[in-house]
Every structure is written in structure tokens, then in C-alpha cells.
Amino acid sequence: MKVGFIGLGNVGGKLAGSVQRNGFALTVRDLDRGAAQPFLDEGAAWADSPREMAQAVDMVITCLPSPAASAAVMEAEDGVLAGLGAGKIWAEMSTTDEAEVKRLGAKVSAIGAAPMDCPVSGGCHRAATGNISIFAGCERSTFERALPVIKAMGRRILHTGPLGSASVLKVLTNYLATANLVSLAEALVTAKMAGMDLNTTYEAIRISSGNSFVHETEGQVILNGSRDINFTMGLVVKDISIFNAVAERAGVPLELAPLLVEIFKDGEVRYGASAWSPNIIRRLEEVCGVDILAPGFPAEMVDDEPEAPGYEVTVQHAEANS
């Protein structure tokens, strides 16, 4: 299968790297030609436009920073839709709104191509090693055709149901991660102010009922001072706002999620939309006059999850979980 990849940023570049590393014929495109150069050096082709890419490949993957960016790439005069044909696949790996992916998906289907939304979860470090989790919303036949490519990028793959279902689950999980991050920031600052050793605090949380994926990843980059999780405050605001929109359409009167948006909008004002999201703890550090650092904590984040090569990919289907 010939694969095209549009969007070679923090996550997209790593996912495209897994596709190329696993031997697929790859065509790439990004607004920054420099981001594509490593792939070109390894034999990938360059597309001068999304339309040209869609004409040349069997499966077009988009991994872009916002729904508006995806719409522009898809619907421009020289966009993906202009080059897609019957039997081809469009895979949206961006974090986007269910309603938007369904809108674009209807246009893809009208051409005779197959749409799917397949956002990822697990962090950039796992995207780089092919260990990331992938949700896939699409027809079962499309899922089966796309699976060899999806398996090249992720270790745990869940067919979530029809188009749009994966996007709902993605923003839901990002909402939960954000709630974890804010509560972790409060817990760590409270521990420091109460005189606790932060190395001991980290381990106590890790082996307790208070543990979470966020603690084991973002907790490390908070305590080692790097704060680098490759995810920005601006992206948090975007993702939780999409989650709020999903809940509003479903008639759910949220209480916590709108507060999280307010907290991170304040973080954007203070530190900038491009600041790494764990820097949200600085709001409490500054008020309390403390630095949340653990002397001797490893400078590099340690991930206990083994790398994907040599391990069996877990694939689950929506039908089996209904």
C-alpha cells in the first residue's frame, strides 16, 4: 500500500517515521519543507500539493494541529478531496471534533473513497517507538484494509465503531488526562508545602490508588524540571473545548471541564500558548513561592513500557466490546 502523510509535527513526524521504518512506500508533505527532509533523505517522495499526494497514494493520512487546518488541507482547490478517487482511504489522525470529521467524511464517501478517524493516545515518546494506542472509527471493511498501516504506528489498536466515534473517545481521554494533570499539580505543591520529600511523594503516588498514567509521565517531567511532554497549553485548550462541545450536544451539564479550560486559558496568558502543558503547575509554584523539583530525579523520562518491535499488537473491535 502506498501511504501519504500530511503534517510532520511533534506527533505526525514520529508516526510517519514508523510508517517509513516498516517499509511502506511513503509520500510526505508539510508546510515546513525542512520537516520533511529526513523522510526524503530516507527515500520518501515529496508531494507539491495535497491533491497530488491523494492522486499518487492508496491511503492519505492527515495529522494536523486543528480542525480548521484539516478542513483547509482537505477542501482547498488543490486539496486532498480534489485528488481522492474510488477505493482510496482518508485517515484523520488529528485530534478533531466528531461533527467536523463526519462532515469531511461525507465528502470523502461521496467520491467513493473511505474515511476513518484514527487519533492516537499515549504521548510523543510512545509515538516515536510505535508503542502508541490508536482508536479507529470507520466501517469494519475499511479498518481491515487500513490495519497493516495502523499496526506499523501503534501497539494497542481499538476499532471504536463508526466514523466519529474515535474522535469522541480521543477528546474524552484528553479531558481525563488534563484533569489528572491539574490535580497532580495541586498534590505535588501541597506535598512540598507540607514538608514532604518529593522523591518519596512520587513513589508513594506511583504505588497507590492515586497513581495514573499522567503521574508516571508528566509527574516525571515536572520533578526533573524539563516540563517537556511535547504537548502545549494551547492544544489542551483546543482539545478540552472540543470535549465541552461534544458534551453540550449530548445535553451533559459539565462542571469540571469548563473550569479546566479557564485554568489553561489563564496559563496561556501567563506563559504562552506554546508552553508545555505541565507548566500549569507554575501557577501554584508562584503563589506559594516554591519550585517543585526533586533533587536527583532522572533528567530523562523513564518509560517502563517496552518498545513495540517484537511484541504482539493488540487489536480490539467495537463489536466485541458492545
Protein backbone atom coordinates (compact mmCIF):
# COMPACT_ATOMS: atom_id res chain seq x y z
CA MET A 1 0.00 0.00 0.00
CA LYS A 2 1.27 3.47 -0.91
CA VAL A 3 0.84 5.87 2.01
CA GLY A 4 0.76 9.67 2.05
CA PHE A 5 1.33 11.62 5.26
CA ILE A 6 0.43 15.31 5.69
CA GLY A 7 1.57 17.02 8.90
CA LEU A 8 5.05 16.17 10.23
CA GLY A 9 4.90 17.93 13.60
CA ASN A 10 5.56 16.63 17.11
CA VAL A 11 3.29 13.61 16.72
CA GLY A 12 2.86 13.33 12.96
CA GLY A 13 6.59 13.19 12.29
CA LYS A 14 7.01 10.28 14.66
CA LEU A 15 4.02 8.40 13.24
CA ALA A 16 5.27 8.94 9.69
CA GLY A 17 8.65 7.65 10.82
CA SER A 18 7.04 4.40 11.94
CA VAL A 19 5.28 4.03 8.58
CA GLN A 20 8.56 4.53 6.73
CA ARG A 21 10.54 2.32 9.12
CA ASN A 22 8.12 -0.54 8.44
CA GLY A 23 8.74 -0.48 4.71
CA PHE A 24 5.71 1.29 3.24
CA ALA A 25 6.16 3.44 0.15
CA LEU A 26 5.77 6.89 1.70
CA THR A 27 4.92 10.31 0.27
CA VAL A 28 5.09 13.29 2.65
CA ARG A 29 4.00 16.90 2.84
CA ASP A 30 4.27 19.68 5.44
CA LEU A 31 4.14 23.45 5.31
CA ASP A 32 7.74 23.31 6.55
CA ARG A 33 9.74 21.54 3.84
CA GLY A 34 12.56 21.15 6.37
CA ALA A 35 10.38 18.86 8.50
CA ALA A 36 10.08 16.52 5.52
CA GLN A 37 13.78 16.41 4.68
CA PRO A 38 14.70 13.47 6.96
CA PHE A 39 12.00 11.39 5.26
CA LEU A 40 13.12 12.46 1.80
CA ASP A 41 16.69 11.53 2.71
CA GLU A 42 15.44 8.01 3.52
CA GLY A 43 13.66 7.62 0.19
CA ALA A 44 10.21 9.14 0.70
CA ALA A 45 8.61 11.11 -2.13
CA TRP A 46 7.50 14.74 -1.83
CA ALA A 47 4.05 15.96 -2.88
CA ASP A 48 3.78 19.52 -4.17
CA SER A 49 0.12 19.65 -3.07
CA PRO A 50 -2.39 17.56 -1.10
CA ARG A 51 -4.18 16.85 -4.38
CA GLU A 52 -1.01 15.49 -5.95
CA MET A 53 -0.48 13.26 -2.93
CA ALA A 54 -4.03 11.92 -2.96
CA GLN A 55 -3.69 11.05 -6.63
CA ALA A 56 -0.43 9.16 -6.05
CA VAL A 57 -1.20 7.04 -2.97
CA ASP A 58 -3.73 4.49 -1.71
CA MET A 59 -4.12 5.99 1.78
CA VAL A 60 -3.80 9.65 2.81
CA ILE A 61 -3.12 10.35 6.50
CA THR A 62 -3.60 13.83 7.93
CA CYS A 63 -2.18 14.77 11.32
CA LEU A 64 -2.71 18.50 11.83
CA PRO A 65 -2.98 20.93 14.76
CA SER A 66 -6.66 21.93 14.46
CA PRO A 67 -9.96 21.13 12.74
CA ALA A 68 -9.56 24.30 10.69
CA ALA A 69 -6.16 23.15 9.41
CA SER A 70 -7.60 19.78 8.41
CA ALA A 71 -10.52 21.42 6.62
CA ALA A 72 -8.13 23.66 4.67
CA VAL A 73 -5.97 20.72 3.60
CA MET A 74 -8.99 18.68 2.58
CA GLU A 75 -11.17 21.30 0.87
CA ALA A 76 -8.75 23.67 -0.85
CA GLU A 77 -8.78 23.80 -4.64
CA ASP A 78 -5.63 21.66 -4.64
CA GLY A 79 -6.67 19.77 -1.51
CA VAL A 80 -6.99 16.09 -0.71
CA LEU A 81 -10.60 15.86 -1.86
CA ALA A 82 -9.58 17.05 -5.33
CA GLY A 83 -7.23 14.10 -5.69
CA LEU A 84 -9.03 11.26 -3.95
CA GLY A 85 -10.65 8.53 -6.01
CA ALA A 86 -12.76 5.45 -5.52
CA GLY A 87 -11.25 2.79 -3.27
CA LYS A 88 -8.78 5.10 -1.56
CA ILE A 89 -8.68 5.80 2.21
CA TRP A 90 -8.50 9.08 4.09
CA ALA A 91 -7.34 8.60 7.68
CA GLU A 92 -7.69 11.60 10.01
CA MET A 93 -5.16 11.22 12.83
CA SER A 94 -5.61 14.77 14.12
CA THR A 95 -7.48 15.41 17.36
CA THR A 96 -10.68 16.88 15.98
CA ASP A 97 -14.38 17.32 16.55
CA GLU A 98 -16.70 14.42 15.81
CA ALA A 99 -19.04 16.69 13.84
CA GLU A 100 -16.20 18.01 11.67
CA VAL A 101 -14.75 14.60 10.83
CA LYS A 102 -18.24 13.40 9.88
CA ARG A 103 -18.73 16.46 7.65
CA LEU A 104 -15.48 15.86 5.80
CA GLY A 105 -16.07 12.11 5.82
CA ALA A 106 -19.34 12.57 3.95
CA LYS A 107 -17.44 14.37 1.17
CA VAL A 108 -14.87 11.59 1.06
CA SER A 109 -17.58 8.94 0.82
CA ALA A 110 -19.33 10.85 -1.96
CA ILE A 111 -16.18 10.44 -4.07
CA GLY A 112 -16.18 6.70 -3.46
CA ALA A 113 -13.26 6.76 -1.03
CA ALA A 114 -13.38 5.56 2.58
CA PRO A 115 -12.99 7.89 5.59
CA MET A 116 -11.73 6.94 9.04
CA ASP A 117 -10.75 8.88 12.14
CA CYS A 118 -7.84 7.30 13.99
CA PRO A 119 -6.40 9.62 16.66
CA VAL A 120 -3.59 8.42 18.91
CA SER A 121 -3.09 8.43 22.66
CA GLY A 122 -0.08 7.81 24.86
CA GLY A 123 2.38 10.63 24.30
CA CYS A 124 5.04 11.56 21.77
CA HIS A 125 7.62 9.28 23.37
CA ARG A 126 5.45 6.26 22.55
CA ALA A 127 4.63 7.56 19.08
CA ALA A 128 8.37 7.52 18.38
CA THR A 129 8.71 3.82 19.27
CA GLY A 130 5.50 2.53 17.70
CA ASN A 131 4.01 1.92 21.15
CA ILE A 132 1.17 4.40 20.97
CA SER A 133 -2.51 3.48 21.26
CA ILE A 134 -4.75 4.15 18.25
CA PHE A 135 -8.53 4.49 18.11
CA ALA A 136 -10.16 3.82 14.74
CA GLY A 137 -13.66 4.93 13.80
CA CYS A 138 -14.82 3.60 10.44
CA GLU A 139 -16.54 0.78 8.62
CA ARG A 140 -15.15 -2.63 9.55
CA SER A 141 -14.04 -3.29 5.96
CA THR A 142 -12.08 -0.01 5.95
CA PHE A 143 -10.50 -0.90 9.27
CA GLU A 144 -9.30 -4.24 7.92
CA ARG A 145 -7.80 -2.63 4.80
CA ALA A 146 -6.03 0.06 6.81
CA LEU A 147 -4.87 -2.23 9.62
CA PRO A 148 -1.41 -3.07 8.19
CA VAL A 149 -0.55 0.64 8.15
CA ILE A 150 -2.15 1.33 11.53
CA LYS A 151 -0.24 -1.59 13.07
CA ALA A 152 3.01 -0.03 11.88
CA MET A 153 2.31 3.00 14.07
CA GLY A 154 0.71 1.59 17.21
CA ARG A 155 0.72 -1.32 19.59
CA ARG A 156 -2.80 -1.18 21.01
CA ILE A 157 -5.48 -0.59 18.39
CA LEU A 158 -9.18 -0.29 19.14
CA HIS A 159 -11.89 -0.25 16.46
CA THR A 160 -14.30 2.09 18.21
CA GLY A 161 -17.28 1.89 15.85
CA PRO A 162 -18.48 4.23 13.10
CA LEU A 163 -16.75 7.35 11.81
CA GLY A 164 -16.51 10.00 14.55
CA SER A 165 -16.53 7.58 17.47
CA ALA A 166 -12.75 7.62 17.73
CA SER A 167 -12.69 11.42 17.88
CA VAL A 168 -15.21 11.45 20.74
CA LEU A 169 -13.11 8.98 22.70
CA LYS A 170 -9.90 10.87 21.98
CA VAL A 171 -11.12 14.19 23.42
CA LEU A 172 -12.69 12.30 26.33
CA THR A 173 -9.36 10.70 27.21
CA ASN A 174 -7.54 14.03 26.81
CA TYR A 175 -10.06 15.60 29.17
CA LEU A 176 -9.33 12.91 31.76
CA ALA A 177 -5.58 13.39 31.33
CA THR A 178 -5.95 17.14 31.84
CA ALA A 179 -8.00 16.63 35.00
CA ASN A 180 -5.24 14.30 36.21
CA LEU A 181 -2.56 16.88 35.45
CA VAL A 182 -4.26 19.70 37.33
CA SER A 183 -4.96 17.51 40.36
CA LEU A 184 -1.37 16.19 40.26
CA ALA A 185 -0.04 19.77 40.27
CA GLU A 186 -2.13 20.55 43.35
CA ALA A 187 -1.00 17.34 45.08
CA LEU A 188 2.71 17.93 44.44
CA VAL A 189 2.62 21.56 45.59
CA THR A 190 0.67 20.55 48.70
CA ALA A 191 3.24 17.83 49.44
CA LYS A 192 6.07 20.36 49.13
CA MET A 193 4.33 22.91 51.34
CA ALA A 194 3.63 20.19 53.93
CA GLY A 195 7.34 19.39 54.12
CA MET A 196 7.31 16.10 52.21
CA ASP A 197 10.28 14.81 50.21
CA LEU A 198 9.21 14.89 46.56
CA ASN A 199 11.10 11.75 45.55
CA THR A 200 9.24 9.88 48.27
CA THR A 201 5.99 11.58 47.26
CA TYR A 202 6.39 10.47 43.65
CA GLU A 203 6.92 6.86 44.71
CA ALA A 204 4.04 6.93 47.19
CA ILE A 205 1.65 8.09 44.49
CA ARG A 206 3.07 5.60 41.99
CA ILE A 207 2.34 2.56 44.21
CA SER A 208 -1.01 3.80 45.48
CA SER A 209 -4.61 4.20 44.41
CA GLY A 210 -3.74 7.76 43.38
CA ASN A 211 -1.48 6.59 40.56
CA SER A 212 -2.19 7.40 36.90
CA PHE A 213 -0.53 7.39 33.51
CA VAL A 214 -0.22 11.17 33.83
CA HIS A 215 1.61 10.84 37.16
CA GLU A 216 4.07 8.34 35.71
CA THR A 217 4.82 10.51 32.67
CA GLU A 218 4.10 14.18 33.36
CA GLY A 219 4.96 13.76 37.03
CA GLN A 220 8.47 12.85 35.96
CA VAL A 221 8.99 15.89 33.73
CA ILE A 222 7.63 18.17 36.45
CA LEU A 223 10.01 16.79 39.07
CA ASN A 224 13.07 16.72 36.80
CA GLY A 225 12.41 20.32 35.75
CA SER A 226 12.21 19.77 31.98
CA ARG A 227 8.41 20.11 31.81
CA ASP A 228 8.78 18.77 28.24
CA ILE A 229 5.92 16.45 27.32
CA ASN A 230 5.64 17.67 23.70
CA PHE A 231 2.12 18.94 24.33
CA THR A 232 1.24 22.60 24.70
CA MET A 233 -1.24 24.63 26.72
CA GLY A 234 -2.86 25.81 23.51
CA LEU A 235 -3.53 22.21 22.49
CA VAL A 236 -5.06 21.49 25.89
CA VAL A 237 -7.46 24.41 25.48
CA LYS A 238 -8.37 23.22 21.97
CA ASP A 239 -8.96 19.61 23.00
CA ILE A 240 -10.97 20.31 26.16
CA SER A 241 -13.06 22.88 24.29
CA ILE A 242 -13.91 20.19 21.74
CA PHE A 243 -14.84 17.83 24.59
CA ASN A 244 -17.10 20.53 26.02
CA ALA A 245 -18.78 20.90 22.63
CA VAL A 246 -19.41 17.14 22.43
CA ALA A 247 -20.94 17.19 25.92
CA GLU A 248 -23.09 20.21 25.08
CA ARG A 249 -24.50 18.48 22.00
CA ALA A 250 -25.24 15.45 24.17
CA GLY A 251 -27.02 17.57 26.78
CA VAL A 252 -24.49 16.96 29.60
CA PRO A 253 -24.20 19.86 32.12
CA LEU A 254 -20.45 19.75 32.76
CA GLU A 255 -18.93 21.26 35.89
CA LEU A 256 -15.22 20.37 35.93
CA ALA A 257 -14.29 20.59 32.23
CA PRO A 258 -15.19 24.30 31.81
CA LEU A 259 -13.04 25.08 34.86
CA LEU A 260 -10.11 23.25 33.28
CA VAL A 261 -10.46 25.41 30.16
CA GLU A 262 -10.39 28.54 32.35
CA ILE A 263 -7.26 27.31 34.17
CA PHE A 264 -5.40 26.62 30.93
CA LYS A 265 -6.54 29.83 29.27
CA ASP A 266 -5.01 31.61 32.26
CA GLY A 267 -1.87 29.52 31.71
CA GLU A 268 -1.81 30.65 28.07
CA VAL A 269 -1.96 34.29 29.16
CA ARG A 270 0.81 33.84 31.73
CA TYR A 271 3.22 31.56 29.88
CA GLY A 272 2.10 31.45 26.25
CA ALA A 273 0.04 29.01 24.22
CA SER A 274 3.21 27.18 23.14
CA ALA A 275 4.34 26.49 26.73
CA TRP A 276 4.45 22.79 27.60
CA SER A 277 1.28 21.80 29.43
CA PRO A 278 2.97 20.60 32.69
CA ASN A 279 3.99 24.23 33.23
CA ILE A 280 0.45 24.75 34.51
CA ILE A 281 1.95 23.89 37.91
CA ARG A 282 3.78 27.23 37.79
CA ARG A 283 0.53 29.00 38.72
CA LEU A 284 0.71 27.32 42.14
CA GLU A 285 4.51 27.45 42.41
CA GLU A 286 4.42 31.23 42.03
CA VAL A 287 1.62 31.75 44.55
CA CYS A 288 3.32 29.51 47.13
CA GLY A 289 6.88 30.63 46.40
CA VAL A 290 8.23 27.12 45.78
CA ASP A 291 9.86 25.14 42.99
CA ILE A 292 8.53 21.64 42.52
CA LEU A 293 11.75 19.79 41.77
CA ALA A 294 13.12 16.51 43.15
CA PRO A 295 16.91 16.52 43.58
CA GLY A 296 18.47 13.55 41.85
CA PHE A 297 15.34 12.76 39.85
CA PRO A 298 16.28 11.30 36.42
CA ALA A 299 16.75 14.01 33.80
CA GLU A 300 15.21 11.79 31.11
CA MET A 301 11.70 10.43 31.44
CA VAL A 302 11.71 6.69 32.12
CA ASP A 303 9.01 4.66 30.39
CA ASP A 304 8.52 1.12 31.66
CA GLU A 305 6.53 0.19 28.55
CA PRO A 306 8.71 -2.00 26.26
CA GLU A 307 9.21 -0.85 22.70
CA ALA A 308 6.82 -2.26 20.13
CA PRO A 309 9.17 -4.32 17.93
CA GLY A 310 9.00 -7.95 18.99
CA TYR A 311 5.71 -7.55 20.83
CA GLU A 312 2.31 -8.59 19.60
CA VAL A 313 -0.07 -5.84 18.59
CA THR A 314 -3.37 -5.92 20.47
CA VAL A 315 -6.35 -5.28 18.18
CA GLN A 316 -9.85 -4.99 19.58
CA HIS A 317 -13.10 -4.45 17.71
CA ALA A 318 -16.09 -2.37 18.72
CA GLU A 319 -18.38 -5.34 18.15
CA ALA A 320 -16.55 -7.32 20.82
CA ASN A 321 -17.00 -4.56 23.38
CA SER A 322 -20.64 -3.68 22.84
